[in-house]
Structure formats: structure tokens, C-alpha cells
């Protein structure tokens, strides 16, 4: 049976961050913990959020790492409790939002975080006791502000997914103004993350026509605007469309993802310094080629429809178009450029086979399939 679930309250407009105090009042948050990172604070975006909160007593955790960890979650939980907080506001990219979701679980549930990981059978253990969360994205990539999942590196160094509808933010404040001036490399990497989400959810075999339509429109928006947003950080129209594409990709997450993410999750756990969106961009061509043989992809003309959204002549052009786009955006041309070596393949494959995205790919990959995808992505 298909589960089609939409969604949460989204405020989407330039300047929408000004609604933060009223959204806290609507949800019932009176003493928020703001989860962010040092970079968001340094560029002044955190201050915009704090100004919008008016006189509310606020505690700030600004030490979210680029790949959120269980250690960071624990540190934030200590602040949550010492500040007698009753809710969370995540201000930042996917890392800050996912870290906040980890805090929402850990501050209200007993035991180590891995207890609640999806592949550990932990999703049903996440209850409505989770702390309420408002998400304010400052990048256009993960779409975590409208997603029920989070990715956190737990203490045993695995990069695990946590999924529950209770983790869905109570409100998403999508303000494209907060992304103006985002550095080109980060704009490119997060934008390709959004493109990967739209593509993988569209290729996933689950029956969910609304998600398919949202993902396909998101792909068209992101593909048409990512270069402009990267080349000109002040292009308001490009920023708006890229933020929408990011949100749309995550709205379609409920269909599941696939091998791009099982590989990038695993490799990100092996080397947390690597950017998730960059890895997705590098893995996309090989995975799309692999998925071309899937019965559901062929029957429903998935590649043809993606090619039309990207204004390409034929489906066979998609992989090369992505490689060309990566090059034009200044992203690495292959895994070797980011330090990946073949001696890591077995460890990456181990993680990919165990990842929660592995089984929702339209074609089930074997270890040898993953090895070929890794080799093709070097």
C-alpha cells in the first residue's frame, strides 16, 4: 500500500525569517535552543534569526560539525536541558537541521542514539515525545526542513539514518534571502545535492504520483538555475528556484532514495570531511546508468522524462550532462580528486549494502555492482 503524506507548514518568501517569533508562538515554543554552526554565526545569519525572536529567552548551540555527530548531539542536549528549553530552532544547512533532529530524539528518549536508527529497527521507538522543531534552511540542498529523516554519525562511526514522521519540523521557514552570497563552491555542491534528491526519488519504484510530479518539477528548476546561482550569488530568481528545488526533492523523499545515497552515506562515514552533496554529484552518472536496466525505470520512461526536464535530446545524454555540469560548477571530476582510493572500496560497499537507501533503489545492487559504480566514479 502506498503511503502519501503531505506534510508541514511552510513559510516561503524573501524575508520570511521575520515570522520566526510568531511560528514559535503558534507551536508553543517559549524557550528555544537554536542549533547552528560557527559559519552561520560568522556571516551574520544567526543574528537575523535571533533578532526575529524578539524577547524570547534563547540558548544557542553553534558547534554543529559539517557532518553531524552523536557527540555534537550530546553537547547540544546538555545546553537544551541546562537552558530548560522546550523546543528547537535549526538555523543552517542540512547538518544543523539533522543535528537538531538528533537533539529532538536524544533530549526526550533514553539510551544511545543508535537505538533509534532506521537500520537498527529504531524508527518505531521514536515517539511523539520528540522536542518540537522549527527549521530555517540557509542552503539549498538537503531539504531537511520538510523531511522526516536525519543523518548522524553515531559513536561507532557509522553514518546512520533516523526516520519518523514525529521528526518532521513543525514549521519550515524557507527564506531565499538567507542564501544570497553563499560561496560558489557550497552553492554548487548543495545544489547538486538537490538535483540528486529529485532524480533519485523520481527513479524510486514506490507508487506516489504526487511525489513524482514534485520531484520532476524540482529537477527542472534546479537544472535551469544552479549555474546562475553559483556564478552570481545575488541572483534572487535563481536563489528562489534553487531553494524551491531543494524543498521539493525532500518533499518526495517519502518514495525512498537509492544507490547514490547508500554510497554517499557510507563514504561520508568513512571520511567525514567529504561533502555529501559533492559525493552525490559524483555518483549520479554511474547510478543512473545502472538504473537504466531497471524494469520500473524502463516501463515508466523515467529517464526520458528526466531528460525532457533537463532539456536534453535523449536519456543517454544525462550522465555526460551531469559530468559537464559538475565541471562547469567547479566540482571535482571524480572520487580520486577528493582522496578516495580503491583500497577503501570494500569498506564503502559494506556500508552501502547496510544503508537504508539500498533497498529502495529501483534495481537491487550487488557488491560487484557497487564496485563497478565506484570504479566508474573515480
Protein backbone atom coordinates (compact mmCIF):
# COMPACT_ATOMS: atom_id res chain seq x y z
CA UNK A 1 0.00 0.00 0.00
CA UNK A 2 1.34 3.45 -0.88
CA UNK A 3 1.72 5.97 1.93
CA UNK A 4 1.27 9.51 0.57
CA UNK A 5 1.79 12.07 3.29
CA UNK A 6 1.95 15.89 2.95
CA UNK A 7 3.47 17.50 5.12
CA UNK A 8 4.13 20.52 7.39
CA UNK A 9 3.54 24.28 7.41
CA UNK A 10 5.98 26.07 5.11
CA UNK A 11 6.56 29.82 5.02
CA UNK A 12 8.33 30.56 1.73
CA UNK A 13 9.35 34.08 0.72
CA UNK A 14 12.15 36.59 0.83
CA UNK A 15 12.25 37.92 4.39
CA UNK A 16 10.23 35.02 5.81
CA UNK A 17 12.65 34.70 8.74
CA UNK A 18 10.79 37.62 10.35
CA UNK A 19 7.96 35.14 11.10
CA UNK A 20 10.12 33.12 13.48
CA UNK A 21 8.65 34.53 16.69
CA UNK A 22 5.05 34.06 15.55
CA UNK A 23 5.79 30.48 14.48
CA UNK A 24 7.21 29.77 17.94
CA UNK A 25 4.00 31.13 19.45
CA UNK A 26 1.86 29.01 17.13
CA UNK A 27 3.75 25.85 18.03
CA UNK A 28 4.13 26.64 21.72
CA UNK A 29 7.91 27.06 21.92
CA UNK A 30 8.77 29.58 24.65
CA UNK A 31 12.44 28.78 25.40
CA UNK A 32 14.13 27.61 22.20
CA UNK A 33 17.54 26.07 21.71
CA UNK A 34 18.92 27.40 18.43
CA UNK A 35 21.11 24.79 16.71
CA UNK A 36 23.52 26.23 14.15
CA UNK A 37 27.21 26.27 13.24
CA UNK A 38 30.10 28.67 13.54
CA UNK A 39 29.94 29.65 9.86
CA UNK A 40 26.28 30.70 10.04
CA UNK A 41 27.10 32.79 13.09
CA UNK A 42 30.15 34.35 11.42
CA UNK A 43 28.28 35.63 8.36
CA UNK A 44 25.53 37.22 10.45
CA UNK A 45 22.65 34.91 9.55
CA UNK A 46 22.28 33.64 13.11
CA UNK A 47 21.86 37.21 14.31
CA UNK A 48 18.99 37.74 11.85
CA UNK A 49 17.21 34.76 13.38
CA UNK A 50 17.92 35.92 16.93
CA UNK A 51 16.63 39.41 16.10
CA UNK A 52 13.43 37.85 14.72
CA UNK A 53 12.87 36.00 18.02
CA UNK A 54 12.33 39.26 19.87
CA UNK A 55 12.36 38.89 23.65
CA UNK A 56 12.19 35.10 23.83
CA UNK A 57 14.88 33.62 26.11
CA UNK A 58 17.22 31.78 23.74
CA UNK A 59 20.07 29.30 24.19
CA UNK A 60 22.48 28.82 21.27
CA UNK A 61 24.48 25.75 20.23
CA UNK A 62 26.79 26.80 17.38
CA UNK A 63 29.20 23.84 17.16
CA UNK A 64 27.45 21.63 14.60
CA UNK A 65 30.14 19.88 12.51
CA UNK A 66 29.86 19.60 8.73
CA UNK A 67 28.67 16.02 9.21
CA UNK A 68 26.66 15.96 12.47
CA UNK A 69 27.85 13.51 15.10
CA UNK A 70 26.39 11.88 18.16
CA UNK A 71 29.00 13.77 20.22
CA UNK A 72 27.63 17.09 18.91
CA UNK A 73 24.09 15.93 19.67
CA UNK A 74 25.10 15.15 23.26
CA UNK A 75 26.72 18.56 23.71
CA UNK A 76 23.59 20.28 22.39
CA UNK A 77 21.34 18.17 24.64
CA UNK A 78 23.30 19.41 27.67
CA UNK A 79 22.55 23.00 26.65
CA UNK A 80 18.92 22.12 25.94
CA UNK A 81 18.50 20.79 29.47
CA UNK A 82 20.53 23.46 31.27
CA UNK A 83 18.58 26.16 29.44
CA UNK A 84 15.27 24.48 30.34
CA UNK A 85 14.38 24.62 26.66
CA UNK A 86 11.04 23.43 25.32
CA UNK A 87 11.77 23.36 21.60
CA UNK A 88 14.38 23.67 18.88
CA UNK A 89 15.14 26.05 16.04
CA UNK A 90 17.66 24.84 13.46
CA UNK A 91 19.34 27.64 11.50
CA UNK A 92 21.72 26.37 8.85
CA UNK A 93 22.16 23.73 6.20
CA UNK A 94 21.23 20.08 6.40
CA UNK A 95 23.89 19.44 9.03
CA UNK A 96 22.36 21.85 11.54
CA UNK A 97 18.83 20.63 10.84
CA UNK A 98 19.83 16.97 11.14
CA UNK A 99 21.78 17.71 14.33
CA UNK A 100 18.67 19.38 15.75
CA UNK A 101 16.60 16.32 14.87
CA UNK A 102 19.14 14.20 16.73
CA UNK A 103 18.71 16.51 19.74
CA UNK A 104 14.92 16.25 19.42
CA UNK A 105 15.29 12.49 19.92
CA UNK A 106 18.11 12.37 22.47
CA UNK A 107 16.67 15.06 24.74
CA UNK A 108 13.41 13.16 25.13
CA UNK A 109 14.30 9.46 24.72
CA UNK A 110 16.51 7.14 26.74
CA UNK A 111 19.57 5.26 25.52
CA UNK A 112 22.26 5.81 22.87
CA UNK A 113 21.22 7.46 19.63
CA UNK A 114 21.81 4.34 17.52
CA UNK A 115 18.88 2.74 19.35
CA UNK A 116 16.62 4.86 17.14
CA UNK A 117 18.40 4.36 13.80
CA UNK A 118 16.31 3.01 10.95
CA UNK A 119 18.58 0.04 10.14
CA UNK A 120 18.61 -0.88 13.84
CA UNK A 121 14.81 -1.15 13.80
CA UNK A 122 14.61 2.06 15.80
CA UNK A 123 12.03 4.07 13.85
CA UNK A 124 9.01 2.74 15.84
CA UNK A 125 10.83 3.67 19.07
CA UNK A 126 10.74 7.37 18.16
CA UNK A 127 7.58 8.74 19.78
CA UNK A 128 5.58 11.94 19.89
CA UNK A 129 7.72 12.96 22.89
CA UNK A 130 10.33 14.40 20.50
CA UNK A 131 11.06 18.07 21.05
CA UNK A 132 9.22 20.34 18.57
CA UNK A 133 11.43 21.77 15.82
CA UNK A 134 11.33 24.76 13.51
CA UNK A 135 13.78 24.56 10.59
CA UNK A 136 15.30 27.60 8.88
CA UNK A 137 17.50 26.42 5.97
CA UNK A 138 20.40 28.61 4.89
CA UNK A 139 21.48 26.46 1.93
CA UNK A 140 19.53 24.92 -0.94
CA UNK A 141 20.44 21.26 -0.88
CA UNK A 142 19.18 18.74 1.63
CA UNK A 143 15.60 19.90 2.08
CA UNK A 144 15.75 18.51 5.61
CA UNK A 145 13.34 21.25 6.66
CA UNK A 146 10.47 19.27 5.11
CA UNK A 147 11.78 15.73 5.63
CA UNK A 148 11.06 13.13 8.27
CA UNK A 149 14.66 11.89 8.37
CA UNK A 150 18.08 12.85 9.65
CA UNK A 151 21.60 11.53 9.08
CA UNK A 152 24.01 11.44 12.03
CA UNK A 153 27.41 9.77 12.52
CA UNK A 154 26.99 7.73 15.70
CA UNK A 155 29.69 6.87 18.20
CA UNK A 156 30.75 3.69 16.38
CA UNK A 157 31.48 5.85 13.28
CA UNK A 158 28.56 4.61 11.17
CA UNK A 159 26.62 7.28 9.29
CA UNK A 160 23.04 6.28 10.07
CA UNK A 161 19.58 7.44 9.09
CA UNK A 162 16.81 8.23 11.57
CA UNK A 163 13.28 8.32 10.21
CA UNK A 164 9.94 9.11 11.81
CA UNK A 165 7.06 11.39 10.96
CA UNK A 166 7.46 12.72 14.51
CA UNK A 167 10.80 14.22 13.36
CA UNK A 168 9.11 16.35 10.71
CA UNK A 169 9.68 20.01 11.65
CA UNK A 170 6.52 21.69 12.91
CA UNK A 171 7.35 24.60 10.62
CA UNK A 172 9.78 25.30 7.79
CA UNK A 173 10.79 28.89 7.17
CA UNK A 174 12.30 28.99 3.68
CA UNK A 175 13.81 32.42 3.12
CA UNK A 176 15.89 32.59 -0.09
CA UNK A 177 17.35 35.86 1.17
CA UNK A 178 19.40 33.86 3.68
CA UNK A 179 21.21 32.12 0.79
CA UNK A 180 22.24 35.30 -1.04
CA UNK A 181 26.01 35.45 -1.21
CA UNK A 182 26.51 31.78 -0.35
CA UNK A 183 30.01 30.85 -1.64
CA UNK A 184 30.06 29.40 -5.19
CA UNK A 185 31.51 26.00 -4.23
CA UNK A 186 28.93 25.49 -1.48
CA UNK A 187 26.13 26.69 -3.76
CA UNK A 188 27.22 24.17 -6.39
CA UNK A 189 27.61 21.24 -4.00
CA UNK A 190 24.32 21.81 -2.21
CA UNK A 191 22.53 22.49 -5.49
CA UNK A 192 23.74 19.19 -6.93
CA UNK A 193 22.52 17.56 -3.72
CA UNK A 194 19.04 18.89 -4.50
CA UNK A 195 19.31 17.60 -8.08
CA UNK A 196 20.35 14.17 -6.81
CA UNK A 197 17.36 14.08 -4.46
CA UNK A 198 14.93 14.95 -7.23
CA UNK A 199 16.43 12.33 -9.56
CA UNK A 200 16.68 9.51 -7.04
CA UNK A 201 13.18 9.98 -5.65
CA UNK A 202 11.79 10.15 -9.18
CA UNK A 203 13.53 6.88 -10.10
CA UNK A 204 12.47 5.10 -6.88
CA UNK A 205 9.86 2.43 -7.68
CA UNK A 206 7.26 3.26 -4.99
CA UNK A 207 3.85 4.36 -6.29
CA UNK A 208 3.43 8.04 -5.44
CA UNK A 209 2.40 10.21 -8.42
CA UNK A 210 2.30 13.46 -6.40
CA UNK A 211 5.90 12.89 -5.29
CA UNK A 212 6.91 12.12 -8.89
CA UNK A 213 5.43 15.38 -10.12
CA UNK A 214 7.06 17.40 -7.36
CA UNK A 215 10.47 15.77 -7.94
CA UNK A 216 10.34 16.27 -11.71
CA UNK A 217 9.42 19.94 -11.37
CA UNK A 218 12.18 20.35 -8.78
CA UNK A 219 14.70 18.80 -11.15
CA UNK A 220 13.72 21.20 -13.93
CA UNK A 221 14.02 24.22 -11.62
CA UNK A 222 17.36 23.18 -10.16
CA UNK A 223 18.94 22.24 -13.50
CA UNK A 224 17.86 25.54 -15.05
CA UNK A 225 19.09 27.76 -12.19
CA UNK A 226 22.09 26.12 -10.49
CA UNK A 227 24.70 27.71 -12.76
CA UNK A 228 23.21 31.19 -12.37
CA UNK A 229 23.06 30.82 -8.59
CA UNK A 230 26.65 29.60 -8.49
CA UNK A 231 28.02 32.32 -10.78
CA UNK A 232 26.05 35.16 -9.20
CA UNK A 233 25.30 34.71 -5.52
CA UNK A 234 22.93 37.69 -5.57
CA UNK A 235 20.63 36.39 -8.33
CA UNK A 236 17.34 36.42 -6.43
CA UNK A 237 15.35 34.47 -9.01
CA UNK A 238 17.98 31.73 -9.20
CA UNK A 239 18.20 31.54 -5.40
CA UNK A 240 14.42 31.28 -5.06
CA UNK A 241 14.14 28.48 -7.62
CA UNK A 242 17.09 26.55 -6.18
CA UNK A 243 15.62 26.73 -2.67
CA UNK A 244 12.30 25.52 -4.04
CA UNK A 245 14.01 22.60 -5.79
CA UNK A 246 15.76 21.67 -2.56
CA UNK A 247 12.46 21.68 -0.70
CA UNK A 248 10.74 19.71 -3.46
CA UNK A 249 13.35 16.98 -3.54
CA UNK A 250 12.83 16.40 0.17
CA UNK A 251 9.05 16.50 -0.16
CA UNK A 252 9.44 13.48 -2.44
CA UNK A 253 11.80 11.63 -0.05
CA UNK A 254 8.90 9.51 1.15
CA UNK A 255 9.32 7.41 -2.02
CA UNK A 256 12.83 6.50 -0.91
CA UNK A 257 16.25 7.20 -2.39
CA UNK A 258 18.78 4.74 -3.82
CA UNK A 259 22.36 3.78 -4.59
CA UNK A 260 23.62 7.36 -4.90
CA UNK A 261 22.78 7.91 -1.26
CA UNK A 262 23.72 4.47 0.02
CA UNK A 263 27.19 5.11 -1.44
CA UNK A 264 27.50 8.73 -0.28
CA UNK A 265 26.23 7.92 3.22
CA UNK A 266 28.77 5.12 3.51
CA UNK A 267 31.69 7.09 2.10
CA UNK A 268 30.75 10.08 4.26
CA UNK A 269 31.05 7.83 7.29
CA UNK A 270 34.44 6.53 6.13
CA UNK A 271 35.71 10.09 5.59
CA UNK A 272 33.51 12.71 7.32
CA UNK A 273 35.49 15.53 5.68
CA UNK A 274 33.80 14.83 2.33
CA UNK A 275 30.78 16.93 1.42
CA UNK A 276 27.60 14.93 0.97
CA UNK A 277 26.31 16.95 -1.99
CA UNK A 278 29.64 16.68 -3.81
CA UNK A 279 29.63 12.90 -3.40
CA UNK A 280 26.06 12.70 -4.72
CA UNK A 281 27.11 14.70 -7.79
CA UNK A 282 29.99 12.31 -8.44
CA UNK A 283 27.93 9.14 -8.00
CA UNK A 284 24.89 10.21 -10.06
CA UNK A 285 26.13 9.29 -13.58
CA UNK A 286 27.18 5.74 -12.65
CA UNK A 287 23.98 5.06 -10.69
CA UNK A 288 21.74 6.41 -13.45
CA UNK A 289 23.50 4.13 -15.92
CA UNK A 290 22.94 1.18 -13.55
CA UNK A 291 19.28 2.11 -13.01
CA UNK A 292 18.62 2.28 -16.74
CA UNK A 293 18.25 -1.51 -16.66
CA UNK A 294 15.52 -1.48 -14.00
CA UNK A 295 12.13 -2.71 -15.20
CA UNK A 296 10.19 0.08 -13.48
CA UNK A 297 12.50 2.76 -14.91
CA UNK A 298 12.05 1.40 -18.43
CA UNK A 299 8.29 0.81 -18.14
CA UNK A 300 7.54 4.30 -16.87
CA UNK A 301 10.05 6.06 -19.14
CA UNK A 302 11.77 7.58 -16.11
CA UNK A 303 14.99 8.54 -17.89
CA UNK A 304 13.17 10.00 -20.86
CA UNK A 305 11.09 12.20 -18.58
CA UNK A 306 14.16 13.37 -16.66
CA UNK A 307 15.93 14.16 -19.94
CA UNK A 308 12.99 16.35 -21.01
CA UNK A 309 13.06 18.21 -17.69
CA UNK A 310 16.77 18.85 -18.24
CA UNK A 311 16.15 19.89 -21.89
CA UNK A 312 18.39 17.11 -23.21
CA UNK A 313 17.90 15.36 -26.54
CA UNK A 314 17.88 11.79 -25.22
CA UNK A 315 18.17 9.79 -21.97
CA UNK A 316 21.66 8.61 -22.84
CA UNK A 317 22.86 12.21 -22.53
CA UNK A 318 22.02 12.52 -18.81
CA UNK A 319 25.23 11.08 -17.36
CA UNK A 320 27.54 13.17 -19.52
CA UNK A 321 25.41 16.27 -18.91
CA UNK A 322 25.87 15.81 -15.15
CA UNK A 323 29.64 15.38 -15.55
CA UNK A 324 29.76 18.52 -17.68
CA UNK A 325 27.67 20.42 -15.15
CA UNK A 326 29.96 19.33 -12.30
CA UNK A 327 32.96 20.63 -14.27
CA UNK A 328 31.29 23.96 -15.07
CA UNK A 329 30.38 24.40 -11.41
CA UNK A 330 33.96 23.78 -10.31
CA UNK A 331 33.22 20.49 -8.55
CA UNK A 332 35.67 17.55 -8.63
CA UNK A 333 35.65 15.36 -11.73
CA UNK A 334 35.92 12.13 -9.77
CA UNK A 335 36.42 10.47 -6.41
CA UNK A 336 40.19 10.36 -6.87
CA UNK A 337 40.28 14.17 -6.71
CA UNK A 338 38.82 14.09 -3.18
CA UNK A 339 41.28 11.46 -1.98
CA UNK A 340 39.29 8.25 -2.40
CA UNK A 341 41.42 5.19 -3.23
CA UNK A 342 40.46 1.71 -4.35
CA UNK A 343 41.61 0.16 -1.08
CA UNK A 344 38.55 1.82 0.54
CA UNK A 345 36.07 0.13 -1.81
CA UNK A 346 35.27 -2.86 0.41
CA UNK A 347 34.57 -0.67 3.42
CA UNK A 348 32.39 1.66 1.35
CA UNK A 349 30.49 -1.28 -0.10
CA UNK A 350 29.93 -2.77 3.35
CA UNK A 351 28.25 0.45 4.44
CA UNK A 352 26.26 0.84 1.23
CA UNK A 353 24.81 -2.66 1.47
CA UNK A 354 23.63 -1.93 5.02
CA UNK A 355 22.31 1.57 4.30
CA UNK A 356 18.58 2.29 4.50
CA UNK A 357 18.61 3.63 0.90
CA UNK A 358 20.00 0.39 -0.57
CA UNK A 359 16.68 -1.45 -0.83
CA UNK A 360 14.66 1.45 -2.27
CA UNK A 361 16.80 1.72 -5.41
CA UNK A 362 14.77 0.64 -8.48
CA UNK A 363 17.29 -2.15 -9.11
CA UNK A 364 18.85 -4.05 -6.21
CA UNK A 365 22.62 -3.70 -6.36
CA UNK A 366 25.10 -6.46 -5.55
CA UNK A 367 28.56 -5.93 -4.09
CA UNK A 368 30.01 -6.22 -7.58
CA UNK A 369 27.51 -3.66 -8.90
CA UNK A 370 28.63 -1.22 -6.23
CA UNK A 371 32.27 -1.93 -7.05
CA UNK A 372 31.61 -1.07 -10.70
CA UNK A 373 29.78 2.14 -9.72
CA UNK A 374 32.70 3.18 -7.52
CA UNK A 375 35.22 2.44 -10.25
CA UNK A 376 33.17 4.41 -12.79
CA UNK A 377 33.04 7.36 -10.37
CA UNK A 378 36.80 7.57 -9.81
